[in-house]
Protein backbone atom coordinates (compact mmCIF):
# COMPACT_ATOMS: atom_id res chain seq x y z
CA MET A 1 -50.45 9.18 -47.77
CA ALA A 2 -52.11 11.43 -45.18
CA ILE A 3 -51.71 14.97 -46.57
CA LYS A 4 -54.37 17.67 -46.31
CA ILE A 5 -54.03 20.97 -48.15
CA LEU A 6 -55.55 24.34 -47.31
CA LYS A 7 -55.23 27.05 -49.98
CA HIS A 8 -56.01 30.74 -49.75
CA ASN A 9 -54.85 33.33 -52.27
CA LYS A 10 -51.36 32.23 -53.28
CA LEU A 11 -50.53 30.55 -49.98
CA SER A 12 -51.02 26.84 -49.20
CA TRP A 13 -50.74 24.85 -45.99
CA HIS A 14 -49.82 21.16 -46.30
CA LEU A 15 -50.79 19.29 -43.15
CA ILE A 16 -49.08 15.92 -42.58
CA ASP A 17 -50.09 13.97 -39.50
CA ASP A 18 -49.02 10.47 -40.53
CA LEU A 19 -45.47 10.13 -41.84
CA ASP A 20 -44.91 7.18 -44.16
CA ALA A 21 -42.67 6.38 -47.13
CA GLU A 22 -45.14 7.84 -49.63
CA THR A 23 -45.32 11.09 -47.67
CA VAL A 24 -41.53 11.33 -47.54
CA ASP A 25 -41.40 10.86 -51.30
CA PHE A 26 -43.97 13.65 -51.66
CA LEU A 27 -41.73 16.02 -49.67
CA LYS A 28 -38.68 15.09 -51.72
CA ASN A 29 -40.40 15.38 -55.09
CA ASN A 30 -42.43 18.55 -54.55
CA PHE A 31 -40.13 20.70 -52.42
CA ARG A 32 -36.43 21.49 -52.49
CA PHE A 33 -35.79 20.67 -48.85
CA HIS A 34 -32.29 19.91 -47.64
CA PRO A 35 -31.68 16.15 -47.14
CA LEU A 36 -30.63 16.78 -43.54
CA ASP A 37 -34.04 18.36 -42.84
CA ILE A 38 -35.78 15.35 -44.37
CA LYS A 39 -33.60 13.20 -42.14
CA ASP A 40 -34.69 15.21 -39.11
CA VAL A 41 -38.33 14.79 -40.09
CA THR A 42 -38.05 11.02 -40.51
CA GLY A 43 -35.87 10.59 -37.41
CA GLY A 44 -36.90 10.76 -33.80
CA GLY A 45 -35.91 12.40 -30.54
CA GLN A 46 -34.91 15.73 -32.07
CA ASN A 47 -34.25 18.90 -30.07
CA PRO A 48 -35.95 22.22 -30.91
CA LYS A 49 -34.04 23.83 -33.76
CA ILE A 50 -34.17 26.30 -36.63
CA ASP A 51 -32.43 26.09 -40.01
CA VAL A 52 -32.50 29.15 -42.27
CA TYR A 53 -31.98 28.67 -46.01
CA ASN A 54 -32.23 31.00 -48.98
CA ASN A 55 -35.66 29.83 -50.05
CA TYR A 56 -37.23 28.42 -46.87
CA ILE A 57 -36.96 28.08 -43.09
CA PHE A 58 -37.21 24.81 -41.18
CA LEU A 59 -38.37 24.65 -37.55
CA ILE A 60 -38.67 21.88 -34.99
CA VAL A 61 -40.92 22.93 -32.11
CA TYR A 62 -42.71 21.10 -29.32
CA TYR A 63 -45.85 21.56 -27.28
CA PRO A 64 -47.30 19.59 -24.34
CA GLU A 65 -50.40 17.43 -24.56
CA ILE A 66 -52.39 16.19 -21.55
CA SER A 67 -53.61 12.60 -21.76
CA GLN A 68 -57.34 11.93 -21.94
CA ASP A 69 -57.40 10.55 -18.39
CA ARG A 70 -55.52 13.68 -17.22
CA LYS A 71 -53.00 11.54 -15.39
CA SER A 72 -49.97 12.18 -17.57
CA MET A 73 -48.52 14.56 -20.13
CA GLU A 74 -46.41 14.05 -23.25
CA THR A 75 -44.61 16.38 -25.63
CA ILE A 76 -45.62 16.52 -29.28
CA GLU A 77 -43.06 17.35 -31.99
CA VAL A 78 -44.05 19.55 -34.92
CA ASN A 79 -41.79 20.12 -37.94
CA ILE A 80 -42.56 23.30 -39.88
CA PHE A 81 -41.27 24.23 -43.34
CA PHE A 82 -42.27 27.58 -44.79
CA GLY A 83 -41.22 29.49 -47.88
CA ASP A 84 -42.60 32.06 -50.31
CA ASP A 85 -46.01 30.52 -50.91
CA TYR A 86 -46.28 27.43 -48.74
CA ILE A 87 -46.27 26.01 -45.24
CA VAL A 88 -45.69 22.34 -44.50
CA THR A 89 -46.31 20.97 -41.01
CA VAL A 90 -45.38 17.43 -40.01
CA GLN A 91 -46.69 16.33 -36.63
CA LYS A 92 -45.32 13.40 -34.65
CA GLY A 93 -47.68 12.18 -31.98
CA LYS A 94 -51.33 11.43 -31.39
CA SER A 95 -52.42 14.96 -30.53
CA ARG A 96 -55.24 16.40 -32.64
CA PHE A 97 -54.49 20.04 -31.84
CA ILE A 98 -52.74 20.94 -35.12
CA LYS A 99 -55.36 19.03 -37.12
CA ASN A 100 -58.21 20.77 -35.27
CA LEU A 101 -56.54 24.15 -35.88
CA PHE A 102 -56.27 23.29 -39.58
CA TYR A 103 -59.96 22.37 -39.83
CA ARG A 104 -61.02 25.40 -37.80
CA ILE A 105 -59.21 27.75 -40.20
CA GLN A 106 -60.42 25.82 -43.23
CA GLY A 107 -64.07 26.18 -42.18
CA ASN A 108 -63.88 29.83 -41.17
CA ASN A 109 -63.40 32.39 -43.93
CA ARG A 110 -62.61 35.16 -41.46
CA LEU A 111 -59.78 33.18 -39.87
CA LYS A 112 -58.58 32.06 -43.29
CA SER A 113 -58.35 35.66 -44.48
CA GLU A 114 -56.70 36.77 -41.24
CA TYR A 115 -54.11 33.99 -41.05
CA PHE A 116 -53.29 33.78 -44.77
CA SER A 117 -53.78 37.41 -45.79
CA GLN A 118 -50.11 38.33 -46.34
CA ASN A 119 -47.33 35.72 -46.33
CA SER A 120 -46.25 32.42 -44.87
CA GLY A 121 -44.37 34.16 -42.03
CA LEU A 122 -47.61 35.64 -40.68
CA ALA A 123 -49.35 32.25 -40.93
CA VAL A 124 -46.50 30.60 -39.01
CA TYR A 125 -46.87 33.30 -36.36
CA TRP A 126 -50.54 32.39 -35.91
CA ILE A 127 -49.65 28.70 -35.65
CA LEU A 128 -46.96 29.35 -33.02
CA GLU A 129 -49.24 31.70 -31.09
CA SER A 130 -51.96 29.04 -31.05
CA LEU A 131 -49.44 26.46 -29.78
CA TYR A 132 -48.37 28.69 -26.90
CA LYS A 133 -51.95 29.51 -25.99
CA TYR A 134 -52.71 25.79 -26.01
CA THR A 135 -49.73 25.30 -23.67
CA ASN A 136 -51.63 27.23 -20.98
CA GLN A 137 -53.85 24.18 -20.49
CA SER A 138 -50.80 22.12 -19.54
CA LEU A 139 -49.52 24.87 -17.23
CA ASN A 140 -52.90 24.94 -15.48
CA TYR A 141 -52.78 21.15 -15.20
CA LEU A 142 -49.33 21.35 -13.57
CA SER A 143 -50.55 24.07 -11.21
CA GLN A 144 -53.46 21.91 -10.06
CA GLU A 145 -51.17 18.90 -9.60
CA ILE A 146 -48.72 20.95 -7.52
CA VAL A 147 -51.51 22.30 -5.29
CA SER A 148 -52.80 18.76 -4.82
CA LEU A 149 -49.29 17.52 -3.98
CA GLU A 150 -48.85 20.34 -1.50
CA ASN A 151 -51.97 19.15 0.33
CA PHE A 152 -50.61 15.59 0.25
CA VAL A 153 -47.23 16.65 1.67
CA TYR A 154 -48.84 18.34 4.66
CA GLY A 155 -51.56 15.73 5.00
CA GLU A 156 -51.62 12.15 6.15
CA GLN A 157 -50.98 10.54 2.79
CA LYS A 158 -48.52 7.70 2.43
CA THR A 159 -44.99 9.04 2.07
CA LYS A 160 -44.06 6.68 -0.76
CA GLU A 161 -47.00 7.82 -2.90
CA VAL A 162 -46.19 11.49 -2.29
CA ILE A 163 -42.53 11.05 -3.24
CA THR A 164 -43.52 9.16 -6.39
CA GLN A 165 -45.94 11.87 -7.47
CA LEU A 166 -43.45 14.63 -6.69
CA THR A 167 -40.84 12.85 -8.79
CA GLN A 168 -43.25 12.48 -11.70
CA ILE A 169 -44.34 16.13 -11.65
CA ARG A 170 -40.73 17.33 -11.40
CA ARG A 171 -39.83 15.16 -14.38
CA GLN A 172 -42.66 16.72 -16.39
CA ILE A 173 -41.47 20.22 -15.49
CA VAL A 174 -37.88 19.42 -16.43
CA ASN A 175 -39.04 17.97 -19.77
CA LEU A 176 -41.05 21.09 -20.52
CA LYS A 177 -38.12 23.34 -19.66
CA ARG A 178 -35.91 21.23 -21.92
CA ILE A 179 -38.16 21.94 -24.90
CA PHE A 180 -39.34 25.49 -24.19
CA ASP A 181 -36.07 27.17 -23.19
CA PRO A 182 -34.41 26.44 -26.60
CA GLN A 183 -37.58 27.58 -28.37
CA ARG A 184 -36.97 31.11 -27.15
CA TYR A 185 -33.80 31.08 -29.23
CA ILE A 186 -35.87 29.94 -32.21
CA ILE A 187 -38.32 32.83 -31.78
CA ASN A 188 -35.46 35.32 -31.42
CA THR A 189 -33.87 33.96 -34.60
CA LEU A 190 -37.14 34.41 -36.48
CA THR A 191 -37.24 38.01 -35.25
CA ARG A 192 -33.76 38.70 -36.60
CA THR A 193 -34.19 36.83 -39.90
CA LYS A 194 -35.12 38.90 -42.95
CA LYS A 195 -36.79 37.15 -45.86
CA VAL A 196 -39.36 38.07 -48.48
CA PHE A 197 -41.83 35.82 -46.68
CA LEU A 198 -40.58 37.02 -43.27
CA PRO A 199 -40.53 40.84 -43.51
CA VAL A 200 -39.42 43.27 -40.81
CA ALA A 201 -43.05 44.16 -40.12
CA LEU A 202 -43.50 40.72 -38.53
CA ASN A 203 -40.93 41.45 -35.80
CA VAL A 204 -43.58 42.83 -33.49
CA TYR A 205 -45.63 39.65 -34.00
CA PHE A 206 -42.81 37.32 -33.12
CA ASP A 207 -41.90 39.57 -30.19
CA ASP A 208 -45.37 38.76 -28.91
CA VAL A 209 -44.64 35.03 -29.24
CA ASP A 210 -41.32 35.61 -27.48
CA ASP A 211 -43.22 37.20 -24.58
CA MET A 212 -45.40 34.08 -24.42
CA ALA A 213 -42.31 31.86 -24.43
CA GLU A 214 -40.74 33.93 -21.67
CA ARG A 215 -43.90 33.67 -19.60
CA VAL A 216 -43.91 29.88 -20.01
CA SER A 217 -40.25 29.77 -18.94
CA VAL A 218 -40.91 31.93 -15.85
CA VAL A 219 -43.93 29.85 -14.85
CA LEU A 220 -41.96 26.62 -15.23
CA ASP A 221 -39.13 28.06 -13.13
CA ASN A 222 -41.66 28.93 -10.45
CA TYR A 223 -43.18 25.45 -10.59
CA LYS A 224 -39.74 23.85 -10.40
CA GLU A 225 -38.82 25.89 -7.32
CA THR A 226 -42.14 25.05 -5.68
CA VAL A 227 -41.70 21.32 -6.29
CA ASN A 228 -38.12 21.46 -4.99
CA ASN A 229 -39.40 23.17 -1.84
CA LEU A 230 -42.03 20.47 -1.46
CA PHE A 231 -39.26 17.88 -1.73
CA GLU A 232 -37.37 19.62 1.08
CA VAL A 233 -40.50 19.80 3.24
CA SER A 234 -41.27 16.17 2.47
CA ASP A 235 -37.71 15.14 3.43
CA ALA A 236 -38.02 17.11 6.68
CA LEU A 237 -41.35 15.44 7.50
CA ILE A 238 -39.92 12.02 6.67
CA SER A 239 -36.97 12.68 9.00
CA TYR A 240 -39.32 13.88 11.72
CA ARG A 241 -41.55 10.82 11.42
CA THR A 242 -38.49 8.56 11.38
CA ASN A 243 -37.19 10.22 14.55
CA GLU A 244 -40.59 9.76 16.18
CA VAL A 245 -40.56 6.06 15.37
CA ILE A 246 -36.99 5.70 16.64
CA LYS A 247 -37.93 7.58 19.82
CA VAL A 248 -40.85 5.24 20.51
CA LEU A 249 -38.69 2.18 19.89
CA THR A 250 -35.96 3.62 22.15
CA ILE A 251 -38.42 4.31 24.95
CA PHE A 252 -39.79 0.82 24.63
CA SER A 253 -36.27 -0.63 24.76
CA VAL A 254 -35.32 1.46 27.82
CA SER A 255 -38.51 0.53 29.66
CA MET A 256 -37.79 -3.16 29.02
CA LEU A 257 -34.23 -2.97 30.41
CA PRO A 258 -35.22 -4.04 33.96
CA LEU A 259 -36.98 -7.11 32.60
CA THR A 260 -34.02 -7.89 30.37
CA LEU A 261 -31.65 -7.54 33.31
CA LEU A 262 -33.80 -9.75 35.53
CA SER A 263 -34.16 -12.49 32.90
CA GLY A 264 -30.39 -12.39 32.35
CA ILE A 265 -29.58 -12.76 36.04
CA TYR A 266 -32.09 -15.48 36.86
CA GLY A 267 -31.36 -17.32 33.66
CA MET A 268 -27.92 -18.36 34.97
CA ASN A 269 -29.35 -21.21 37.14
CA ILE A 270 -27.36 -20.23 40.25
CA ASP A 271 -28.87 -21.54 43.49
CA SER A 272 -27.58 -18.66 45.59
CA LEU A 273 -29.62 -15.98 43.85
CA PRO A 274 -32.12 -14.12 46.07
CA PHE A 275 -35.60 -15.63 46.11
CA ALA A 276 -34.35 -18.51 43.97
CA HIS A 277 -36.17 -21.02 46.21
CA HIS A 278 -39.27 -18.91 46.85
CA PRO A 279 -41.57 -19.18 43.81
CA GLN A 280 -44.25 -17.21 45.64
CA SER A 281 -42.00 -14.13 45.55
CA VAL A 282 -42.29 -13.84 41.74
CA GLY A 283 -45.27 -11.56 42.11
CA VAL A 284 -43.31 -9.23 44.40
CA ILE A 285 -40.42 -9.09 41.91
CA PHE A 286 -42.73 -8.25 38.99
CA ALA A 287 -44.48 -5.59 41.04
CA LEU A 288 -41.08 -4.07 41.87
CA LEU A 289 -40.15 -4.13 38.16
CA ALA A 290 -43.46 -2.51 37.21
CA LEU A 291 -42.71 0.26 39.71
CA ILE A 292 -39.23 0.78 38.23
CA ILE A 293 -40.63 0.90 34.68
CA THR A 294 -43.27 3.40 35.79
CA LEU A 295 -40.59 5.60 37.39
CA ILE A 296 -38.56 5.44 34.16
CA LEU A 297 -41.57 6.56 32.09
CA ILE A 298 -42.36 9.38 34.54
CA THR A 299 -38.76 10.58 34.38
CA LEU A 300 -38.82 10.55 30.57
CA ARG A 301 -42.12 12.42 30.61
CA LYS A 302 -40.79 15.15 32.91
CA ARG A 303 -37.80 15.65 30.60
CA ASN A 304 -40.15 15.94 27.59
CA TRP A 305 -38.55 12.90 26.01
CA LEU A 306 -41.88 11.09 25.87
């Protein structure tokens, strides 16, 4: 059972970062959580949500985590229970952010007094604020990736690689919007909810978190629009390059028409064809064809088709 406990005054924080059967039994035996909330904790693929009960509030929130090689990004689910004198966080994923926050508060008396000085609602505010501040790292990562992709789109990179990277970054943006847009509703619900452990005085705090959530939403909308524009530019460049290739192939085909016509005529094995019995005239015929091809290319050049 991987449970760590931080206590200050009358408030305790139970940190769970490895969910197993023994941990689930601990939650069932020591807290009066609704069975559906326990089911949400033990299940997977949940959406952000908030459940308000008489004696506690249950949250499911997400935050992004950049991989160590900085080549991908995943979303980490955090389940938060909080009541009169306790907070329980259950993290699903390999991120160490919540654990590092726990240890940082545990080893710093000033932070411990600041975060746990009043009630569990204030402590949850500090946790949510830290999550949104940590999200800025992922937003900066996306910004750098988009700038890099913009240089690729207008550069000489391979089209297939650019399209693949654009698709991946757009998928990441859509995933982040899917988890952060509903979380604004969660923050607004916390602002409107009145509990002993969530007094009216905390409204201004959660309004601050709501401002952070709105900023994240606006930034993601901007990123999404930028990536969509890059897709349009990329499609236009692909069409232009395709047209250039088709134009070259067309010019080549047109310039070869005289040779095709000549080979078709003299391939019929008719004795009455001109110069059919004068092999030495082949050079003259090819010179004449070269002149015709040259005239065709000059004409195409004058019409700006070449």
